[in-house]
Protein backbone atom coordinates (compact mmCIF):
# COMPACT_ATOMS: atom_id res chain seq x y z
CA MET A 1 6.93 8.67 1.16
CA ALA A 2 5.63 6.01 -1.72
CA GLY A 3 4.60 7.50 -5.03
CA GLY A 4 8.40 6.70 -7.10
CA LEU A 5 7.67 4.06 -9.81
CA GLY A 6 11.76 2.97 -8.52
CA THR A 7 12.45 2.23 -12.77
CA ARG A 8 16.04 0.35 -11.81
CA MET A 9 13.82 -2.35 -10.17
CA LYS A 10 13.31 -2.80 -14.19
CA SER A 11 9.53 -4.23 -13.48
CA ALA A 12 6.37 -3.41 -14.56
CA THR A 13 5.27 -3.23 -10.54
CA PRO A 14 6.22 -0.11 -8.48
CA LYS A 15 8.89 -0.40 -7.04
CA HIS A 16 7.16 0.35 -3.63
CA LEU A 17 4.74 -3.34 -3.80
CA HIS A 18 7.69 -5.56 -4.57
CA PRO A 19 6.96 -8.15 -2.52
CA LEU A 20 9.43 -9.09 1.10
CA LEU A 21 8.66 -11.83 3.24
CA GLY A 22 5.19 -11.29 2.77
CA ARG A 23 4.56 -8.11 3.16
CA ARG A 24 5.12 -5.25 0.24
CA MET A 25 8.04 -3.22 0.91
CA VAL A 26 5.69 0.05 1.93
CA ASP A 27 4.41 -2.03 4.37
CA TRP A 28 7.65 -2.70 5.99
CA VAL A 29 7.75 1.48 6.45
CA ILE A 30 4.23 1.26 7.44
CA THR A 31 4.08 -1.41 10.36
CA ALA A 32 7.81 0.45 11.44
CA ALA A 33 6.16 3.78 11.74
CA GLY A 34 3.33 1.90 13.85
CA ASP A 35 5.22 -0.28 16.14
CA ALA A 36 7.48 3.47 16.56
CA GLY A 37 3.95 5.01 18.41
CA ILE A 38 3.19 6.89 15.42
CA ASP A 39 -0.78 6.88 15.35
CA ARG A 40 -1.45 8.61 11.66
CA VAL A 41 0.22 7.62 8.65
CA VAL A 42 -0.50 9.16 5.75
CA VAL A 43 0.81 7.14 2.10
CA VAL A 44 1.64 9.47 -0.42
CA THR A 45 1.30 7.72 -4.07
CA SER A 46 1.50 7.82 -7.77
CA PRO A 47 -1.92 7.87 -9.19
CA GLU A 48 -1.70 4.46 -10.98
CA THR A 49 -1.00 3.07 -7.45
CA ALA A 50 -3.30 5.23 -5.23
CA SER A 51 -5.88 2.28 -4.53
CA SER A 52 -3.36 0.08 -3.23
CA PHE A 53 -3.29 1.45 0.32
CA ASP A 54 -6.72 -0.01 1.62
CA GLY A 55 -7.66 1.05 4.74
CA LEU A 56 -5.06 3.39 4.42
CA GLU A 57 -5.34 7.77 4.38
CA VAL A 58 -4.00 8.60 1.22
CA ALA A 59 -2.53 11.30 -0.67
CA VAL A 60 -2.05 11.49 -4.48
CA GLN A 61 1.12 13.15 -5.99
CA GLN A 62 0.23 13.74 -8.96
CA GLN A 63 2.77 13.83 -11.00
CA ALA A 64 6.58 12.73 -9.72
CA VAL A 65 8.77 15.82 -9.18
CA GLY A 66 10.59 15.58 -5.89
CA THR A 67 10.20 14.52 -2.67
CA GLY A 68 9.40 18.24 -2.02
CA ASP A 69 6.67 17.89 -3.78
CA ALA A 70 5.46 14.44 -2.67
CA VAL A 71 4.99 15.57 1.24
CA ARG A 72 3.27 18.74 0.07
CA ALA A 73 0.90 16.50 -1.15
CA ALA A 74 -0.05 15.29 1.63
CA ARG A 75 -0.51 19.35 3.43
CA SER A 76 -4.43 18.88 2.76
CA ALA A 77 -4.47 16.31 5.40
CA LEU A 78 -2.02 16.80 7.89
CA ASP A 79 -2.76 20.65 7.63
CA GLY A 80 -3.52 21.97 10.94
CA THR A 81 -2.66 19.20 12.93
CA ALA A 82 -0.43 20.59 16.16
CA ALA A 83 2.09 17.19 16.14
CA ASP A 84 5.42 17.13 14.54
CA VAL A 85 5.08 14.98 11.70
CA VAL A 86 7.61 12.46 10.63
CA VAL A 87 8.72 11.78 7.15
CA LEU A 88 9.28 8.71 5.78
CA ASN A 89 10.97 6.59 2.76
CA GLY A 90 9.24 3.78 1.06
CA ASP A 91 11.80 1.59 0.06
CA VAL A 92 13.43 1.20 3.63
CA PRO A 93 11.69 -2.22 4.71
CA GLY A 94 14.87 -2.52 7.42
CA LEU A 95 13.02 0.44 8.99
CA ASP A 96 13.84 -0.47 13.09
CA PRO A 97 11.49 1.35 14.87
CA HIS A 98 13.43 1.37 17.20
CA VAL A 99 15.41 3.88 15.54
CA LEU A 100 12.47 6.35 14.61
CA ARG A 101 11.53 6.16 18.57
CA ASP A 102 14.97 7.85 18.77
CA LEU A 103 14.78 10.16 16.08
CA VAL A 104 11.63 11.55 17.63
CA ASP A 105 13.33 11.78 21.28
CA THR A 106 16.71 13.51 19.27
CA HIS A 107 13.98 15.89 17.70
CA ARG A 108 12.54 17.14 21.09
CA ARG A 109 14.88 16.51 23.38
CA GLU A 110 16.53 19.31 21.45
CA ALA A 111 13.61 21.51 20.51
CA ALA A 112 14.51 21.54 17.29
CA ALA A 113 12.35 22.56 13.83
CA GLY A 114 13.68 19.27 12.46
CA THR A 115 16.23 16.13 12.71
CA VAL A 116 17.38 14.13 10.38
CA LEU A 117 18.41 10.94 10.35
CA SER A 118 21.44 10.20 9.16
CA PHE A 119 23.80 7.34 8.93
CA GLU A 120 27.80 6.28 7.81
CA PRO A 121 27.35 3.69 5.04
CA ASP A 122 29.80 1.49 3.70
CA ASP A 123 30.19 2.53 0.09
CA VAL A 124 28.02 6.44 0.01
CA ARG A 125 27.24 6.28 -3.63
CA SER A 126 24.05 8.45 -4.42
CA TYR A 127 23.32 9.43 -0.68
CA GLY A 128 23.18 13.16 -0.10
CA ARG A 129 25.13 14.78 2.03
CA VAL A 130 24.81 16.26 5.69
CA VAL A 131 27.12 19.17 5.95
CA ARG A 132 28.51 20.77 8.86
CA ASP A 133 30.43 24.32 9.15
CA GLY A 134 33.28 25.18 11.56
CA ASN A 135 31.25 24.33 14.85
CA GLY A 136 30.36 20.86 13.65
CA SER A 137 26.19 21.84 13.27
CA VAL A 138 24.53 21.59 10.32
CA ALA A 139 24.88 23.73 7.69
CA ARG A 140 22.82 21.77 4.70
CA ILE A 141 22.04 18.56 2.30
CA VAL A 142 23.78 17.93 -0.22
CA GLU A 143 21.95 15.83 -3.40
CA ALA A 144 25.48 14.36 -4.99
CA ALA A 145 24.57 15.34 -8.45
CA ASP A 146 24.90 18.36 -6.99
CA ALA A 147 27.57 17.81 -4.62
CA SER A 148 30.97 19.82 -5.00
CA PRO A 149 34.50 16.57 -4.76
CA ASP A 150 34.74 17.71 -1.05
CA GLU A 151 31.26 17.86 -0.22
CA LEU A 152 31.11 13.83 -2.24
CA ALA A 153 34.11 13.48 0.38
CA VAL A 154 31.57 13.56 3.36
CA ARG A 155 30.55 10.18 4.58
CA GLU A 156 27.34 11.24 6.87
CA VAL A 157 24.78 11.10 4.61
CA ASN A 158 21.38 11.38 4.57
CA SER A 159 19.01 8.79 4.89
CA GLY A 160 15.85 10.79 3.80
CA ILE A 161 13.73 10.07 6.85
CA TYR A 162 12.97 13.83 8.98
CA VAL A 163 11.05 14.76 11.71
CA PHE A 164 9.28 18.69 11.50
CA ARG A 165 7.97 20.71 13.80
CA SER A 166 4.48 21.11 11.71
CA GLU A 167 4.25 24.66 11.86
CA ARG A 168 7.47 25.56 10.79
CA LEU A 169 7.53 22.18 7.67
CA TRP A 170 4.19 23.70 5.24
CA PRO A 171 6.12 27.04 5.19
CA LEU A 172 9.38 25.49 3.70
CA LEU A 173 7.23 23.71 1.22
CA ASP A 174 5.53 26.34 -0.41
CA ARG A 175 9.18 28.24 -0.70
CA LEU A 176 11.15 25.49 -2.66
CA GLU A 177 11.89 25.74 -5.72
CA PRO A 178 13.87 23.59 -8.20
CA ARG A 179 17.88 24.15 -7.89
CA ASN A 180 18.91 21.29 -8.97
CA ALA A 181 20.41 18.90 -11.33
CA GLN A 182 17.61 16.95 -11.75
CA GLY A 183 14.82 20.07 -11.84
CA GLU A 184 12.89 18.43 -8.93
CA LEU A 185 11.45 19.85 -4.82
CA TYR A 186 13.91 18.52 -3.03
CA LEU A 187 12.77 18.53 0.78
CA THR A 188 16.73 18.51 1.40
CA ASP A 189 16.98 22.16 0.81
CA THR A 190 14.41 22.90 3.88
CA VAL A 191 17.09 21.97 6.23
CA ALA A 192 19.44 25.01 4.50
CA MET A 193 15.91 27.10 4.15
CA LEU A 194 15.51 26.42 8.22
CA VAL A 195 19.62 26.31 9.39
CA ALA A 196 19.10 30.83 7.67
CA ASP A 197 16.07 31.26 9.41
CA GLY A 198 17.89 30.99 12.61
CA GLU A 199 15.99 27.99 13.15
CA ARG A 200 18.24 24.57 14.88
CA VAL A 201 18.21 21.70 12.82
CA ALA A 202 19.53 18.57 15.17
CA VAL A 203 21.31 15.47 13.70
CA HIS A 204 20.25 11.29 15.23
CA ALA A 205 22.27 9.00 13.09
CA ALA A 206 21.28 5.53 12.98
CA PRO A 207 23.52 2.84 14.29
CA VAL A 208 22.67 -0.06 11.96
CA ALA A 209 23.52 1.45 8.96
CA TRP A 210 21.76 -1.34 6.01
CA GLU A 211 17.82 -0.84 8.62
CA VAL A 212 18.03 2.89 6.88
CA GLU A 213 19.61 2.76 3.33
CA GLY A 214 16.86 3.02 0.67
CA ILE A 215 16.26 -0.11 -1.77
CA ASN A 216 16.63 1.03 -5.61
CA THR A 217 17.95 -2.87 -7.22
CA ARG A 218 16.91 -6.04 -7.05
CA VAL A 219 20.27 -7.11 -5.64
CA GLU A 220 19.55 -4.84 -3.21
CA LEU A 221 16.57 -6.14 -2.09
CA ALA A 222 18.17 -9.53 -1.98
CA PHE A 223 20.16 -8.52 0.22
CA VAL A 224 17.36 -6.49 2.67
CA ALA A 225 15.72 -9.88 2.47
CA GLY A 226 18.55 -11.82 3.98
CA LYS A 227 18.44 -9.65 6.73
CA LEU A 228 14.96 -9.50 7.24
CA ARG A 229 15.04 -13.85 7.53
CA ASP A 230 17.95 -13.53 10.01
CA ARG A 231 16.23 -10.21 12.59
CA ILE A 232 13.21 -12.49 12.10
CA ASN A 233 14.52 -16.60 12.77
CA GLU A 234 16.51 -14.38 15.63
CA ARG A 235 13.16 -13.29 17.06
CA HIS A 236 11.88 -17.32 17.17
CA MET A 237 14.82 -18.51 18.67
CA LEU A 238 14.91 -16.33 20.68
CA ALA A 239 11.30 -17.47 21.79
CA GLY A 240 12.17 -20.81 22.62
CA VAL A 241 12.35 -22.31 18.82
CA THR A 242 15.14 -24.38 17.32
CA ILE A 243 16.21 -23.48 13.63
CA VAL A 244 18.42 -25.99 13.16
CA ASP A 245 19.74 -24.08 9.71
CA PRO A 246 18.69 -20.34 9.72
CA HIS A 247 20.49 -19.22 7.59
CA SER A 248 18.33 -21.38 4.62
CA THR A 249 15.48 -21.14 6.85
CA TRP A 250 12.67 -18.27 5.32
CA ILE A 251 10.05 -17.92 7.60
CA GLU A 252 7.47 -14.34 6.26
CA ALA A 253 6.57 -11.75 9.38
CA ASP A 254 3.64 -12.93 9.81
CA VAL A 255 3.67 -16.28 11.36
CA GLU A 256 3.22 -17.43 14.48
CA ILE A 257 4.92 -20.44 16.29
CA ALA A 258 5.22 -21.36 19.21
CA PRO A 259 7.92 -22.63 22.03
CA ASP A 260 9.58 -25.98 21.28
CA VAL A 261 9.04 -26.15 17.33
CA THR A 262 11.69 -27.46 16.07
CA VAL A 263 12.86 -26.42 12.51
CA HIS A 264 15.03 -28.40 10.08
CA PRO A 265 16.41 -26.48 7.52
CA PHE A 266 15.53 -25.30 3.41
CA THR A 267 12.46 -24.94 4.75
CA VAL A 268 9.76 -21.90 3.62
CA ILE A 269 7.06 -20.79 6.37
CA ARG A 270 4.44 -18.09 3.72
CA GLY A 271 1.99 -16.41 5.52
CA THR A 272 -0.67 -16.58 8.42
CA VAL A 273 1.28 -19.65 9.66
CA ARG A 274 0.72 -20.64 13.04
CA ILE A 275 2.21 -23.15 14.67
CA ALA A 276 1.99 -24.82 18.08
CA SER A 277 4.50 -26.41 20.33
CA GLY A 278 6.27 -29.13 20.07
CA ALA A 279 5.93 -29.17 16.24
CA GLU A 280 7.96 -30.31 13.90
CA ILE A 281 8.96 -28.60 10.40
CA GLY A 282 10.93 -31.64 8.59
CA PRO A 283 13.32 -30.11 5.77
CA PHE A 284 12.31 -28.99 2.42
CA ALA A 285 9.01 -28.30 3.72
CA TYR A 286 6.90 -25.78 2.58
CA VAL A 287 4.40 -24.61 4.99
CA ARG A 288 2.22 -21.78 3.20
CA PRO A 289 -0.88 -19.78 3.85
CA THR A 290 -4.05 -19.66 6.06
CA THR A 291 -2.41 -23.27 7.94
CA THR A 292 -2.44 -24.60 11.05
CA VAL A 293 -0.12 -27.15 12.32
CA GLY A 294 -1.15 -28.65 16.16
CA GLU A 295 0.92 -28.86 19.45
CA ARG A 296 3.17 -31.74 18.51
CA ALA A 297 2.00 -32.44 14.75
CA LYS A 298 4.80 -33.54 11.85
CA ILE A 299 5.15 -32.08 8.84
CA GLY A 300 7.85 -34.08 6.85
CA THR A 301 10.58 -34.21 4.28
CA PHE A 302 8.81 -33.15 1.00
CA VAL A 303 5.29 -32.58 2.69
CA GLU A 304 3.97 -29.40 1.28
CA VAL A 305 0.59 -27.76 2.89
CA LYS A 306 -1.88 -25.28 1.59
CA ASN A 307 -4.78 -23.74 3.54
CA SER A 308 -4.97 -26.61 6.84
CA ALA A 309 -4.92 -27.20 9.52
CA ILE A 310 -3.14 -30.10 10.61
CA GLY A 311 -4.01 -31.86 13.83
CA ALA A 312 -2.49 -32.22 17.17
CA GLY A 313 -0.15 -34.87 17.25
CA THR A 314 -0.50 -35.46 13.54
CA LYS A 315 2.14 -36.58 10.52
CA VAL A 316 2.65 -35.78 7.41
CA PRO A 317 6.04 -37.19 7.13
CA HIS A 318 6.73 -37.15 3.53
CA LEU A 319 6.45 -36.76 0.05
CA SER A 320 3.19 -35.35 0.45
CA TYR A 321 0.81 -32.15 -0.78
CA ILE A 322 -1.87 -31.33 1.64
CA GLY A 323 -4.09 -29.02 0.74
CA ASP A 324 -7.43 -27.33 1.38
CA ALA A 325 -7.88 -29.59 3.75
CA GLU A 326 -8.45 -31.02 7.62
CA ILE A 327 -6.56 -33.75 10.17
CA GLY A 328 -8.02 -34.56 12.91
CA GLU A 329 -5.97 -35.65 15.58
CA ASN A 330 -2.87 -38.33 15.77
CA THR A 331 -3.23 -39.70 12.26
CA ASN A 332 -0.52 -40.95 10.59
CA ILE A 333 -0.53 -40.17 6.32
CA GLY A 334 1.61 -41.84 4.41
CA ALA A 335 3.57 -40.87 2.29
CA SER A 336 2.56 -39.71 -1.70
CA ASN A 337 -0.96 -38.58 -0.66
CA VAL A 338 -2.74 -36.09 -1.90
CA THR A 339 -5.32 -33.91 -1.87
CA ALA A 340 -6.43 -33.51 -5.09
CA ASN A 341 -8.89 -30.68 -4.39
CA PHE A 342 -9.42 -28.27 -7.64
CA ASP A 343 -12.10 -28.64 -9.70
CA HIS A 344 -11.45 -27.73 -13.43
CA ARG A 345 -14.43 -26.09 -13.76
CA PRO A 346 -15.10 -22.88 -14.26
CA GLY A 347 -16.49 -20.81 -12.19
CA GLN A 348 -15.81 -23.62 -9.15
CA PRO A 349 -14.05 -23.57 -5.93
CA LYS A 350 -11.62 -25.79 -4.74
CA LYS A 351 -13.22 -28.34 -2.47
CA ARG A 352 -12.09 -29.52 1.38
CA THR A 353 -10.76 -32.54 2.26
CA LYS A 354 -12.22 -34.03 5.51
CA ILE A 355 -10.03 -36.17 7.51
CA GLY A 356 -10.58 -37.44 10.67
CA SER A 357 -8.52 -38.34 13.85
CA ASN A 358 -6.45 -41.56 14.47
CA VAL A 359 -6.82 -42.20 10.98
CA ARG A 360 -4.09 -44.18 8.53
CA THR A 361 -3.85 -43.82 5.50
CA ALA A 362 -0.68 -45.57 3.00
CA VAL A 363 1.31 -44.91 0.31
CA ASP A 364 0.01 -43.64 -2.78
CA ASN A 365 -3.25 -42.26 -1.52
CA THR A 366 -4.99 -39.62 -3.66
CA PHE A 367 -8.12 -37.82 -2.04
CA VAL A 368 -10.50 -36.17 -4.31
CA ALA A 369 -12.41 -33.33 -2.64
CA PRO A 370 -14.86 -33.30 -2.31
CA VAL A 371 -14.17 -36.60 0.59
CA GLU A 372 -14.49 -37.02 4.59
CA ILE A 373 -13.05 -39.89 6.38
CA GLY A 374 -14.10 -40.88 9.48
CA ASP A 375 -12.52 -41.50 12.83
CA ASP A 376 -10.04 -44.78 12.79
CA ALA A 377 -10.31 -45.25 9.30
CA TRP A 378 -7.98 -46.87 7.30
CA ILE A 379 -6.84 -46.35 3.16
CA ALA A 380 -4.95 -49.36 1.60
CA ALA A 381 -1.96 -48.02 -0.59
CA GLY A 382 -2.80 -46.51 -4.04
CA THR A 383 -5.96 -46.17 -3.11
CA VAL A 384 -8.00 -43.16 -4.87
CA VAL A 385 -10.93 -41.92 -2.77
CA THR A 386 -14.05 -40.90 -4.38
CA ASP A 387 -16.19 -41.45 -1.80
CA ASP A 388 -16.95 -40.67 1.77
CA VAL A 389 -14.90 -42.93 4.36
CA PRO A 390 -17.49 -44.69 7.13
CA ALA A 391 -15.54 -44.12 10.94
CA GLY A 392 -13.36 -47.57 12.10
CA SER A 393 -13.22 -48.66 7.78
CA LEU A 394 -11.06 -50.22 5.67
CA ALA A 395 -11.74 -48.76 2.44
CA GLY A 396 -9.30 -49.78 -1.33
CA PHE A 397 -7.98 -52.24 -2.96
CA ALA A 398 -6.68 -50.69 -5.70
CA PRO A 399 -6.90 -53.19 -8.80
CA ARG A 400 -4.18 -55.75 -8.21
CA GLN A 401 -0.75 -56.40 -10.12
CA VAL A 402 -0.97 -58.01 -14.34
CA THR A 403 2.16 -58.93 -15.64
CA LYS A 404 1.94 -59.81 -19.26
CA GLU A 405 5.35 -61.73 -19.85
CA GLY A 406 7.24 -61.02 -23.15
CA TYR A 407 4.97 -58.11 -24.37
CA VAL A 408 8.01 -55.54 -24.71
CA HIS A 409 10.21 -57.63 -25.81
CA ARG A 410 7.20 -58.83 -28.67
CA HIS A 411 5.90 -55.53 -29.40
CA ARG A 412 9.24 -53.05 -29.32
CA ASP A 413 9.68 -52.89 -32.64
CA GLU A 414 6.04 -51.32 -34.00
């Protein structure tokens, strides 16, 4: 379900589309569903965001009148299937695929008509309470706005994630009525209906609360971002990557890093970046999408790399911007080098810079793309390179210093 606007985010961007470590919030949920083995996903959206899900099956909820209506919007896509229906919220980016698999296993093991994923948060806030009968079985789920004081004291709450037998789900949705303080159709009411019909309702408790908590504010978004950062960094470290300070290192979800790479503190690595074994990413480095870093290469301190290929053994040690470039093997890029790739003329694409293997650039070089530097070439300090440099050549030689003695003193009062 991804049809809500998320007004508490105080943003023109719908809540489910907010970016989070390289993916939109809802994309984390879609990925978790796929990783859990769910082979068909229908995204329920508002009319305004229906075009935001290319390549996915979409059902439109015309008006936001509750979770029950949101699931009902997917009926035309799913009605007639004999498979169980898993209902997910699009604002739970921390969802672990293992939890989803365990939820489905519990549902099937207990031969339930419906199964609720519950959890116990430190702060129960406005979550719906899971109310059990005297035998410990689920009796109903009560939304906080409609709960009695005794019900509000319940610590076990509803995550809003369920599994239903499909043949029981659709008739239940037709029976929903807006009998609540919000005047909405609550999917939670289907639990009490199943119990009243004599059907079994099971509960599976999630072991980690933050993984199933929905995000409603930017404070909560930042908290979960930190948790996902830790999860991503742990995965890389367990796979053989050295991350010197995981808490100051932000690596997006789709970055690929080979073993024996070292990532120094205060580094950001974003998008479809590929880093080969033995490479070193320096402190305060910013590695942007569609970049590959070859074996034993170095991206140094205060270096930004974007949409570029850095060859094996090549070093970009410090204070440089490398964008839309291809650099060969065993090249050394001097301090404060810039690939000037932006064409100010309207409609012109960015140009590419090609620097060969075994090239030595110097301090303060600017490469005005499109330009190509051949293998084994050297570039003199302070050079703005506007023309191709043949292999094995030495290019540059900016005008030498001119000193005008006393100039400042003579013109100070003018």
